[in-house]
Amino acid sequence: MKNPTNNKRRIIWRYAIFVALMFGFSACIAFKLFKTTVVYAQEWNHKADSILNNKVTIEPIRGKILADNGAVLSANMQMCIARIDWSMKDIKKDTLMKYLPALCDSLAVFEPTRNAKQWKEELTEAYEKTNKNGKKNTSYRLISHMLNTKDYERLQSFPYFNKGRKSGLYCERVIKRCKPFGSMAARSIGGVGESEGKKGLHGTSGLEKALDSLLYGSPGRSTKLQLTSKIVNVEDIPAIPGYDITTTINVALQDIVENELYSMCHESEARWGTAVLMEV
């Protein structure tokens, strides 16, 4: 028969060890708290002030370049990079595999660079893959090229992706300078890019460069403000959008001239050619 006294001693010792560990853990927390709030208080306050005092530049909306009839030749467009966050807890393997065949059929029509079988293999591999730390990819790029808003909405309507954010699909917003008429008068319109000594996107050639001071606008400024749960940017000086520029380019005539010039260069096997269009 076991002695009740010995059992009681064992229980008391276990509780004593547990209480000691809890006190030790609490002491560590209190010590760290004391170091942060008292010993290194000045250092942490200085770091917080340096973050909150940072001024953030607000890029202005670049003006449009227009044809003589108001048609847009060059303008900023908001594009989407379609990505999937495979680390989301809402993504269940059984549910994904259930909808995967229908999803891959839709993707094969939407992006025919891969057939349904290849899409299925790629998405399955992407879901199963983890990095060295055992974590899944949080920014897997689904489509290699950028999508406009209409195409992204179509992508969201596909099987499984129509579950919304729970599917892991999300859009990374990017501002891109686009030419709706493609290569038409592209050299005259010019391009934009980052340049040395200047922040933001500025004209690098053609009208984009020659009229950059008008098209670019004026950047604004915001400061960081600490709220209860996060830091937000508060606008101090609003950005002023650039001017829209109307050119003398006539879309219909430009199309005729470029097509005729291309045909003659092809017919005569010329390396290059030039056409001048004027009102006589």
C-alpha atoms as a PDB file:
ATOM      1  CA  MET A   1       0.000   0.000   0.000  1.00  0.00           C
ATOM      2  CA  LYS A   2       1.353   3.452  -1.056  1.00  0.00           C
ATOM      3  CA  ASN A   3       2.079   6.020   1.615  1.00  0.00           C
ATOM      4  CA  PRO A   4      -0.249   9.118   1.216  1.00  0.00           C
ATOM      5  CA  THR A   5       2.469  11.330   2.730  1.00  0.00           C
ATOM      6  CA  ASN A   6       4.943  10.467  -0.041  1.00  0.00           C
ATOM      7  CA  ASN A   7       2.317  11.214  -2.721  1.00  0.00           C
ATOM      8  CA  LYS A   8       1.578  14.558  -1.129  1.00  0.00           C
ATOM      9  CA  ARG A   9       5.293  15.437  -1.096  1.00  0.00           C
ATOM     10  CA  ARG A  10       5.652  14.561  -4.778  1.00  0.00           C
ATOM     11  CA  ILE A  11       2.666  16.744  -5.673  1.00  0.00           C
ATOM     12  CA  ILE A  12       4.004  19.662  -3.593  1.00  0.00           C
ATOM     13  CA  TRP A  13       7.429  19.348  -5.282  1.00  0.00           C
ATOM     14  CA  ARG A  14       5.852  19.371  -8.740  1.00  0.00           C
ATOM     15  CA  TYR A  15       3.842  22.465  -7.918  1.00  0.00           C
ATOM     16  CA  ALA A  16       6.922  24.109  -6.442  1.00  0.00           C
ATOM     17  CA  ILE A  17       8.932  23.461  -9.621  1.00  0.00           C
ATOM     18  CA  PHE A  18       6.067  24.734 -11.801  1.00  0.00           C
ATOM     19  CA  VAL A  19       5.684  27.910  -9.673  1.00  0.00           C
ATOM     20  CA  ALA A  20       9.444  28.498  -9.763  1.00  0.00           C
ATOM     21  CA  LEU A  21       9.479  28.236 -13.553  1.00  0.00           C
ATOM     22  CA  MET A  22       6.559  30.646 -13.822  1.00  0.00           C
ATOM     23  CA  PHE A  23       8.286  33.138 -11.522  1.00  0.00           C
ATOM     24  CA  GLY A  24      11.490  32.806 -13.531  1.00  0.00           C
ATOM     25  CA  PHE A  25       9.628  33.404 -16.808  1.00  0.00           C
ATOM     26  CA  SER A  26       7.816  36.421 -15.318  1.00  0.00           C
ATOM     27  CA  ALA A  27      11.116  37.806 -14.030  1.00  0.00           C
ATOM     28  CA  CYS A  28      12.616  37.578 -17.541  1.00  0.00           C
ATOM     29  CA  ILE A  29       9.658  39.483 -18.986  1.00  0.00           C
ATOM     30  CA  ALA A  30       9.904  42.140 -16.260  1.00  0.00           C
ATOM     31  CA  PHE A  31      13.659  42.486 -16.849  1.00  0.00           C
ATOM     32  CA  LYS A  32      13.212  42.900 -20.618  1.00  0.00           C
ATOM     33  CA  LEU A  33      10.432  45.424 -20.004  1.00  0.00           C
ATOM     34  CA  PHE A  34      12.655  47.390 -17.612  1.00  0.00           C
ATOM     35  CA  LYS A  35      15.516  47.458 -20.144  1.00  0.00           C
ATOM     36  CA  THR A  36      13.241  48.656 -22.949  1.00  0.00           C
ATOM     37  CA  THR A  37      11.319  51.311 -21.000  1.00  0.00           C
ATOM     38  CA  VAL A  38      14.106  52.593 -18.731  1.00  0.00           C
ATOM     39  CA  VAL A  39      17.637  51.566 -19.745  1.00  0.00           C
ATOM     40  CA  TYR A  40      17.211  51.920 -23.543  1.00  0.00           C
ATOM     41  CA  ALA A  41      14.211  54.279 -23.471  1.00  0.00           C
ATOM     42  CA  GLN A  42      16.077  57.174 -25.094  1.00  0.00           C
ATOM     43  CA  GLU A  43      17.385  54.986 -27.926  1.00  0.00           C
ATOM     44  CA  TRP A  44      13.936  53.544 -28.721  1.00  0.00           C
ATOM     45  CA  ASN A  45      12.270  56.973 -28.529  1.00  0.00           C
ATOM     46  CA  HIS A  46      14.872  58.359 -30.924  1.00  0.00           C
ATOM     47  CA  LYS A  47      14.231  55.490 -33.340  1.00  0.00           C
ATOM     48  CA  ALA A  48      10.462  56.055 -33.173  1.00  0.00           C
ATOM     49  CA  ASP A  49      10.879  59.795 -33.765  1.00  0.00           C
ATOM     50  CA  SER A  50      13.146  59.177 -36.762  1.00  0.00           C
ATOM     51  CA  ILE A  51      10.498  56.924 -38.351  1.00  0.00           C
ATOM     52  CA  LEU A  52       7.601  59.284 -37.650  1.00  0.00           C
ATOM     53  CA  ASN A  53       9.545  62.333 -38.874  1.00  0.00           C
ATOM     54  CA  ASN A  54      10.245  60.744 -42.271  1.00  0.00           C
ATOM     55  CA  LYS A  55       8.728  62.702 -45.133  1.00  0.00           C
ATOM     56  CA  VAL A  56       7.183  60.566 -47.862  1.00  0.00           C
ATOM     57  CA  THR A  57       7.020  61.912 -51.419  1.00  0.00           C
ATOM     58  CA  ILE A  58       3.655  61.570 -53.177  1.00  0.00           C
ATOM     59  CA  GLU A  59       4.142  61.005 -56.908  1.00  0.00           C
ATOM     60  CA  PRO A  60       1.808  63.129 -59.070  1.00  0.00           C
ATOM     61  CA  ILE A  61      -0.419  61.671 -61.785  1.00  0.00           C
ATOM     62  CA  ARG A  62       1.369  62.197 -65.100  1.00  0.00           C
ATOM     63  CA  GLY A  63      -0.631  64.051 -67.743  1.00  0.00           C
ATOM     64  CA  LYS A  64      -1.936  62.412 -70.924  1.00  0.00           C
ATOM     65  CA  ILE A  65      -0.692  62.954 -74.456  1.00  0.00           C
ATOM     66  CA  LEU A  66      -3.682  63.338 -76.778  1.00  0.00           C
ATOM     67  CA  ALA A  67      -4.262  63.273 -80.534  1.00  0.00           C
ATOM     68  CA  ASP A  68      -5.830  66.240 -82.331  1.00  0.00           C
ATOM     69  CA  ASN A  69      -9.322  64.805 -81.748  1.00  0.00           C
ATOM     70  CA  GLY A  70      -8.740  64.069 -78.050  1.00  0.00           C
ATOM     71  CA  ALA A  71      -7.922  60.354 -78.477  1.00  0.00           C
ATOM     72  CA  VAL A  72      -5.417  59.157 -75.863  1.00  0.00           C
ATOM     73  CA  LEU A  73      -1.954  58.435 -77.270  1.00  0.00           C
ATOM     74  CA  SER A  74      -0.155  57.923 -73.959  1.00  0.00           C
ATOM     75  CA  ALA A  75      -1.474  57.767 -70.392  1.00  0.00           C
ATOM     76  CA  ASN A  76      -0.954  56.195 -66.978  1.00  0.00           C
ATOM     77  CA  MET A  77      -2.929  53.005 -66.409  1.00  0.00           C
ATOM     78  CA  GLN A  78      -3.371  50.991 -63.247  1.00  0.00           C
ATOM     79  CA  MET A  79      -2.325  47.423 -64.001  1.00  0.00           C
ATOM     80  CA  CYS A  80      -2.451  44.243 -61.934  1.00  0.00           C
ATOM     81  CA  ILE A  81       0.149  41.563 -61.261  1.00  0.00           C
ATOM     82  CA  ALA A  82      -1.867  38.449 -60.394  1.00  0.00           C
ATOM     83  CA  ARG A  83      -0.307  36.638 -57.420  1.00  0.00           C
ATOM     84  CA  ILE A  84      -1.281  33.808 -55.064  1.00  0.00           C
ATOM     85  CA  ASP A  85      -0.471  33.651 -51.353  1.00  0.00           C
ATOM     86  CA  TRP A  86      -0.091  29.902 -50.808  1.00  0.00           C
ATOM     87  CA  SER A  87       0.535  30.398 -47.075  1.00  0.00           C
ATOM     88  CA  MET A  88      -3.079  31.409 -46.335  1.00  0.00           C
ATOM     89  CA  LYS A  89      -4.778  29.118 -43.833  1.00  0.00           C
ATOM     90  CA  ASP A  90      -8.045  29.291 -45.803  1.00  0.00           C
ATOM     91  CA  ILE A  91      -6.470  27.310 -48.651  1.00  0.00           C
ATOM     92  CA  LYS A  92      -7.461  23.680 -48.081  1.00  0.00           C
ATOM     93  CA  LYS A  93      -5.789  21.035 -50.227  1.00  0.00           C
ATOM     94  CA  ASP A  94      -8.979  18.986 -50.664  1.00  0.00           C
ATOM     95  CA  THR A  95     -10.929  22.029 -51.842  1.00  0.00           C
ATOM     96  CA  LEU A  96      -8.122  23.160 -54.150  1.00  0.00           C
ATOM     97  CA  MET A  97      -7.822  19.727 -55.777  1.00  0.00           C
ATOM     98  CA  LYS A  98     -11.592  19.554 -56.213  1.00  0.00           C
ATOM     99  CA  TYR A  99     -11.718  22.764 -58.257  1.00  0.00           C
ATOM    100  CA  LEU A 100      -8.261  22.451 -59.884  1.00  0.00           C
ATOM    101  CA  PRO A 101      -9.325  20.678 -63.147  1.00  0.00           C
ATOM    102  CA  ALA A 102     -12.011  23.312 -63.909  1.00  0.00           C
ATOM    103  CA  LEU A 103      -9.648  26.125 -62.896  1.00  0.00           C
ATOM    104  CA  CYS A 104      -6.890  24.828 -65.182  1.00  0.00           C
ATOM    105  CA  ASP A 105      -9.322  24.553 -68.104  1.00  0.00           C
ATOM    106  CA  SER A 106     -10.236  28.218 -67.621  1.00  0.00           C
ATOM    107  CA  LEU A 107      -6.577  29.262 -67.280  1.00  0.00           C
ATOM    108  CA  ALA A 108      -5.663  27.387 -70.479  1.00  0.00           C
ATOM    109  CA  VAL A 109      -8.223  29.497 -72.381  1.00  0.00           C
ATOM    110  CA  PHE A 110      -7.213  32.714 -70.604  1.00  0.00           C
ATOM    111  CA  GLU A 111      -3.444  32.146 -70.982  1.00  0.00           C
ATOM    112  CA  PRO A 112      -2.902  29.599 -73.816  1.00  0.00           C
ATOM    113  CA  THR A 113       0.900  29.488 -73.363  1.00  0.00           C
ATOM    114  CA  ARG A 114       0.166  26.350 -71.277  1.00  0.00           C
ATOM    115  CA  ASN A 115      -2.510  23.715 -71.680  1.00  0.00           C
ATOM    116  CA  ALA A 116      -4.756  22.508 -68.868  1.00  0.00           C
ATOM    117  CA  LYS A 117      -2.425  19.623 -67.957  1.00  0.00           C
ATOM    118  CA  GLN A 118       0.608  21.927 -67.705  1.00  0.00           C
ATOM    119  CA  TRP A 119      -1.357  24.417 -65.598  1.00  0.00           C
ATOM    120  CA  LYS A 120      -2.398  21.626 -63.241  1.00  0.00           C
ATOM    121  CA  GLU A 121       1.192  20.402 -62.847  1.00  0.00           C
ATOM    122  CA  GLU A 122       2.471  23.935 -62.264  1.00  0.00           C
ATOM    123  CA  LEU A 123      -0.143  24.915 -59.684  1.00  0.00           C
ATOM    124  CA  THR A 124       0.167  21.600 -57.822  1.00  0.00           C
ATOM    125  CA  GLU A 125       3.942  21.989 -57.647  1.00  0.00           C
ATOM    126  CA  ALA A 126       3.631  25.627 -56.530  1.00  0.00           C
ATOM    127  CA  TYR A 127       1.203  24.654 -53.737  1.00  0.00           C
ATOM    128  CA  GLU A 128       3.362  21.780 -52.480  1.00  0.00           C
ATOM    129  CA  LYS A 129       6.653  23.668 -52.680  1.00  0.00           C
ATOM    130  CA  THR A 130       8.159  25.170 -49.523  1.00  0.00           C
ATOM    131  CA  ASN A 131      11.412  27.055 -48.940  1.00  0.00           C
ATOM    132  CA  LYS A 132      14.264  26.080 -46.618  1.00  0.00           C
ATOM    133  CA  ASN A 133      12.404  27.507 -43.616  1.00  0.00           C
ATOM    134  CA  GLY A 134       9.383  25.335 -44.342  1.00  0.00           C
ATOM    135  CA  LYS A 135       7.237  28.276 -45.466  1.00  0.00           C
ATOM    136  CA  LYS A 136       5.108  28.510 -48.592  1.00  0.00           C
ATOM    137  CA  ASN A 137       5.423  31.200 -51.250  1.00  0.00           C
ATOM    138  CA  THR A 138       3.361  34.260 -50.340  1.00  0.00           C
ATOM    139  CA  SER A 139       3.745  36.056 -53.697  1.00  0.00           C
ATOM    140  CA  TYR A 140       3.609  33.365 -56.386  1.00  0.00           C
ATOM    141  CA  ARG A 141       3.129  35.079 -59.773  1.00  0.00           C
ATOM    142  CA  LEU A 142       0.304  33.361 -61.636  1.00  0.00           C
ATOM    143  CA  ILE A 143       0.418  35.248 -64.985  1.00  0.00           C
ATOM    144  CA  SER A 144       3.758  36.454 -66.360  1.00  0.00           C
ATOM    145  CA  HIS A 145       2.392  39.661 -67.919  1.00  0.00           C
ATOM    146  CA  MET A 146       0.435  42.501 -66.323  1.00  0.00           C
ATOM    147  CA  LEU A 147      -3.359  42.507 -66.506  1.00  0.00           C
ATOM    148  CA  ASN A 148      -5.780  45.372 -66.853  1.00  0.00           C
ATOM    149  CA  THR A 149      -8.704  45.660 -64.454  1.00  0.00           C
ATOM    150  CA  LYS A 150     -11.140  43.928 -66.831  1.00  0.00           C
ATOM    151  CA  ASP A 151      -8.863  40.893 -67.326  1.00  0.00           C
ATOM    152  CA  TYR A 152      -8.222  40.604 -63.580  1.00  0.00           C
ATOM    153  CA  GLU A 153     -11.969  40.657 -62.869  1.00  0.00           C
ATOM    154  CA  ARG A 154     -12.358  37.863 -65.428  1.00  0.00           C
ATOM    155  CA  LEU A 155      -9.614  35.908 -63.640  1.00  0.00           C
ATOM    156  CA  GLN A 156     -11.470  36.346 -60.338  1.00  0.00           C
ATOM    157  CA  SER A 157     -14.571  34.717 -61.851  1.00  0.00           C
ATOM    158  CA  PHE A 158     -12.779  31.387 -62.525  1.00  0.00           C
ATOM    159  CA  PRO A 159     -13.623  28.280 -60.442  1.00  0.00           C
ATOM    160  CA  TYR A 160     -11.968  28.388 -56.998  1.00  0.00           C
ATOM    161  CA  PHE A 161     -10.733  31.972 -57.561  1.00  0.00           C
ATOM    162  CA  ASN A 162     -14.371  33.112 -57.254  1.00  0.00           C
ATOM    163  CA  LYS A 163     -14.117  32.340 -53.525  1.00  0.00           C
ATOM    164  CA  GLY A 164     -12.412  35.708 -53.195  1.00  0.00           C
ATOM    165  CA  ARG A 165      -9.497  36.342 -50.832  1.00  0.00           C
ATOM    166  CA  LYS A 166      -9.873  32.844 -49.353  1.00  0.00           C
ATOM    167  CA  SER A 167      -8.453  31.393 -52.594  1.00  0.00           C
ATOM    168  CA  GLY A 168      -5.163  33.236 -51.992  1.00  0.00           C
ATOM    169  CA  LEU A 169      -5.484  35.226 -55.238  1.00  0.00           C
ATOM    170  CA  TYR A 170      -4.663  38.920 -54.944  1.00  0.00           C
ATOM    171  CA  CYS A 171      -3.640  41.827 -57.160  1.00  0.00           C
ATOM    172  CA  GLU A 172      -0.423  43.797 -56.839  1.00  0.00           C
ATOM    173  CA  ARG A 173      -1.265  47.248 -58.189  1.00  0.00           C
ATOM    174  CA  VAL A 174       1.246  48.846 -60.577  1.00  0.00           C
ATOM    175  CA  ILE A 175       1.053  52.138 -62.477  1.00  0.00           C
ATOM    176  CA  LYS A 176       2.247  51.713 -66.070  1.00  0.00           C
ATOM    177  CA  ARG A 177       2.576  54.206 -68.923  1.00  0.00           C
ATOM    178  CA  CYS A 178       0.596  52.779 -71.834  1.00  0.00           C
ATOM    179  CA  LYS A 179       0.088  53.646 -75.509  1.00  0.00           C
ATOM    180  CA  PRO A 180      -3.433  52.511 -76.540  1.00  0.00           C
ATOM    181  CA  PHE A 181      -2.510  52.659 -80.267  1.00  0.00           C
ATOM    182  CA  GLY A 182       0.573  50.492 -79.805  1.00  0.00           C
ATOM    183  CA  SER A 183       3.532  51.404 -82.008  1.00  0.00           C
ATOM    184  CA  MET A 184       1.693  54.185 -83.855  1.00  0.00           C
ATOM    185  CA  ALA A 185       3.803  57.369 -83.631  1.00  0.00           C
ATOM    186  CA  ALA A 186       5.675  55.683 -80.782  1.00  0.00           C
ATOM    187  CA  ARG A 187       8.967  57.441 -81.570  1.00  0.00           C
ATOM    188  CA  SER A 188       7.285  60.844 -81.634  1.00  0.00           C
ATOM    189  CA  ILE A 189       5.363  60.177 -78.418  1.00  0.00           C
ATOM    190  CA  GLY A 190       8.471  58.830 -76.660  1.00  0.00           C
ATOM    191  CA  GLY A 191       8.851  56.890 -73.436  1.00  0.00           C
ATOM    192  CA  VAL A 192       9.267  57.343 -69.692  1.00  0.00           C
ATOM    193  CA  GLY A 193      11.628  55.880 -67.116  1.00  0.00           C
ATOM    194  CA  GLU A 194      13.767  56.645 -64.099  1.00  0.00           C
ATOM    195  CA  SER A 195      16.625  59.068 -64.669  1.00  0.00           C
ATOM    196  CA  GLU A 196      19.689  59.948 -62.611  1.00  0.00           C
ATOM    197  CA  GLY A 197      19.221  62.815 -60.182  1.00  0.00           C
ATOM    198  CA  LYS A 198      15.423  62.784 -60.545  1.00  0.00           C
ATOM    199  CA  LYS A 199      12.885  60.901 -58.472  1.00  0.00           C
ATOM    200  CA  GLY A 200       9.878  59.296 -60.117  1.00  0.00           C
ATOM    201  CA  LEU A 201       9.184  58.559 -63.758  1.00  0.00           C
ATOM    202  CA  HIS A 202      10.236  61.222 -66.255  1.00  0.00           C
ATOM    203  CA  GLY A 203      10.294  61.414 -70.034  1.00  0.00           C
ATOM    204  CA  THR A 204      13.298  59.789 -71.700  1.00  0.00           C
ATOM    205  CA  SER A 205      12.538  60.499 -75.369  1.00  0.00           C
ATOM    206  CA  GLY A 206      10.118  62.208 -77.778  1.00  0.00           C
ATOM    207  CA  LEU A 207       7.300  64.405 -76.536  1.00  0.00           C
ATOM    208  CA  GLU A 208       7.432  62.696 -73.130  1.00  0.00           C
ATOM    209  CA  LYS A 209      10.911  64.193 -72.655  1.00  0.00           C
ATOM    210  CA  ALA A 210      10.424  67.514 -74.447  1.00  0.00           C
ATOM    211  CA  LEU A 211       7.274  68.336 -72.442  1.00  0.00           C
ATOM    212  CA  ASP A 212       8.251  66.553 -69.232  1.00  0.00           C
ATOM    213  CA  SER A 213       8.028  69.704 -67.073  1.00  0.00           C
ATOM    214  CA  LEU A 214       4.334  70.049 -68.028  1.00  0.00           C
ATOM    215  CA  LEU A 215       3.402  66.359 -68.047  1.00  0.00           C
ATOM    216  CA  TYR A 216       5.071  65.417 -64.749  1.00  0.00           C
ATOM    217  CA  GLY A 217       3.238  67.833 -62.441  1.00  0.00           C
ATOM    218  CA  SER A 218       4.394  68.625 -58.884  1.00  0.00           C
ATOM    219  CA  PRO A 219       5.044  65.954 -56.233  1.00  0.00           C
ATOM    220  CA  GLY A 220       3.328  66.186 -52.864  1.00  0.00           C
ATOM    221  CA  ARG A 221       4.489  65.291 -49.373  1.00  0.00           C
ATOM    222  CA  SER A 222       3.120  63.338 -46.451  1.00  0.00           C
ATOM    223  CA  THR A 223       4.319  62.530 -42.937  1.00  0.00           C
ATOM    224  CA  LYS A 224       3.897  59.380 -40.863  1.00  0.00           C
ATOM    225  CA  LEU A 225       1.402  59.395 -38.008  1.00  0.00           C
ATOM    226  CA  GLN A 226       1.263  56.787 -35.233  1.00  0.00           C
ATOM    227  CA  LEU A 227      -2.235  55.443 -34.603  1.00  0.00           C
ATOM    228  CA  THR A 228      -3.265  52.864 -32.026  1.00  0.00           C
ATOM    229  CA  SER A 229      -2.618  49.841 -34.223  1.00  0.00           C
ATOM    230  CA  LYS A 230      -0.530  51.081 -37.156  1.00  0.00           C
ATOM    231  CA  ILE A 231       1.421  53.919 -38.778  1.00  0.00           C
ATOM    232  CA  VAL A 232      -0.353  55.816 -41.568  1.00  0.00           C
ATOM    233  CA  ASN A 233       0.703  58.530 -44.026  1.00  0.00           C
ATOM    234  CA  VAL A 234      -1.010  61.905 -43.588  1.00  0.00           C
ATOM    235  CA  GLU A 235      -0.960  64.236 -46.585  1.00  0.00           C
ATOM    236  CA  ASP A 236       0.701  67.593 -45.872  1.00  0.00           C
ATOM    237  CA  ILE A 237       1.114  68.936 -49.405  1.00  0.00           C
ATOM    238  CA  PRO A 238      -1.112  67.364 -52.095  1.00  0.00           C
ATOM    239  CA  ALA A 239       0.452  66.293 -55.384  1.00  0.00           C
ATOM    240  CA  ILE A 240      -0.526  68.388 -58.415  1.00  0.00           C
ATOM    241  CA  PRO A 241      -1.294  66.286 -61.531  1.00  0.00           C
ATOM    242  CA  GLY A 242       0.516  67.077 -64.768  1.00  0.00           C
ATOM    243  CA  TYR A 243      -1.112  68.829 -67.715  1.00  0.00           C
ATOM    244  CA  ASP A 244      -2.749  66.930 -70.578  1.00  0.00           C
ATOM    245  CA  ILE A 245      -1.051  67.798 -73.871  1.00  0.00           C
ATOM    246  CA  THR A 246      -3.007  67.902 -77.144  1.00  0.00           C
ATOM    247  CA  THR A 247      -0.823  67.291 -80.222  1.00  0.00           C
ATOM    248  CA  THR A 248      -1.430  67.773 -83.960  1.00  0.00           C
ATOM    249  CA  ILE A 249      -1.154  64.013 -84.577  1.00  0.00           C
ATOM    250  CA  ASN A 250      -4.159  62.754 -86.528  1.00  0.00           C
ATOM    251  CA  VAL A 251      -4.745  59.076 -85.763  1.00  0.00           C
ATOM    252  CA  ALA A 252      -6.397  58.213 -89.091  1.00  0.00           C
ATOM    253  CA  LEU A 253      -3.750  59.917 -91.253  1.00  0.00           C
ATOM    254  CA  GLN A 254      -0.910  58.609 -89.079  1.00  0.00           C
ATOM    255  CA  ASP A 255      -2.192  55.069 -89.543  1.00  0.00           C
ATOM    256  CA  ILE A 256      -2.324  55.479 -93.351  1.00  0.00           C
ATOM    257  CA  VAL A 257       1.174  56.971 -93.531  1.00  0.00           C
ATOM    258  CA  GLU A 258       2.775  54.311 -91.342  1.00  0.00           C
ATOM    259  CA  ASN A 259       1.126  51.437 -93.219  1.00  0.00           C
ATOM    260  CA  GLU A 260       2.140  52.861 -96.615  1.00  0.00           C
ATOM    261  CA  LEU A 261       5.689  53.508 -95.426  1.00  0.00           C
ATOM    262  CA  TYR A 262       5.978  49.964 -94.080  1.00  0.00           C
ATOM    263  CA  SER A 263       4.623  48.516 -97.344  1.00  0.00           C
ATOM    264  CA  MET A 264       7.078  50.494 -99.481  1.00  0.00           C
ATOM    265  CA  CYS A 265      10.038  49.580 -97.252  1.00  0.00           C
ATOM    266  CA  HIS A 266       9.042  45.923 -97.475  1.00  0.00           C
ATOM    267  CA  GLU A 267       8.520  46.102-101.242  1.00  0.00           C
ATOM    268  CA  SER A 268      11.824  47.862-101.937  1.00  0.00           C
ATOM    269  CA  GLU A 269      13.701  45.870 -99.247  1.00  0.00           C
ATOM    270  CA  ALA A 270      14.862  49.133 -97.663  1.00  0.00           C
ATOM    271  CA  ARG A 271      16.561  49.103 -94.270  1.00  0.00           C
ATOM    272  CA  TRP A 272      14.563  52.109 -93.124  1.00  0.00           C
ATOM    273  CA  GLY A 273      12.366  54.885 -94.469  1.00  0.00           C
ATOM    274  CA  THR A 274      10.971  58.277 -93.503  1.00  0.00           C
ATOM    275  CA  ALA A 275       7.654  59.921 -94.378  1.00  0.00           C
ATOM    276  CA  VAL A 276       6.708  63.515 -93.707  1.00  0.00           C
ATOM    277  CA  LEU A 277       3.022  64.357 -93.315  1.00  0.00           C
ATOM    278  CA  MET A 278       2.061  68.019 -93.616  1.00  0.00           C
ATOM    279  CA  GLU A 279      -0.895  70.244 -94.311  1.00  0.00           C
ATOM    280  CA  VAL A 280      -0.195  72.111 -97.545  1.00  0.00           C
END
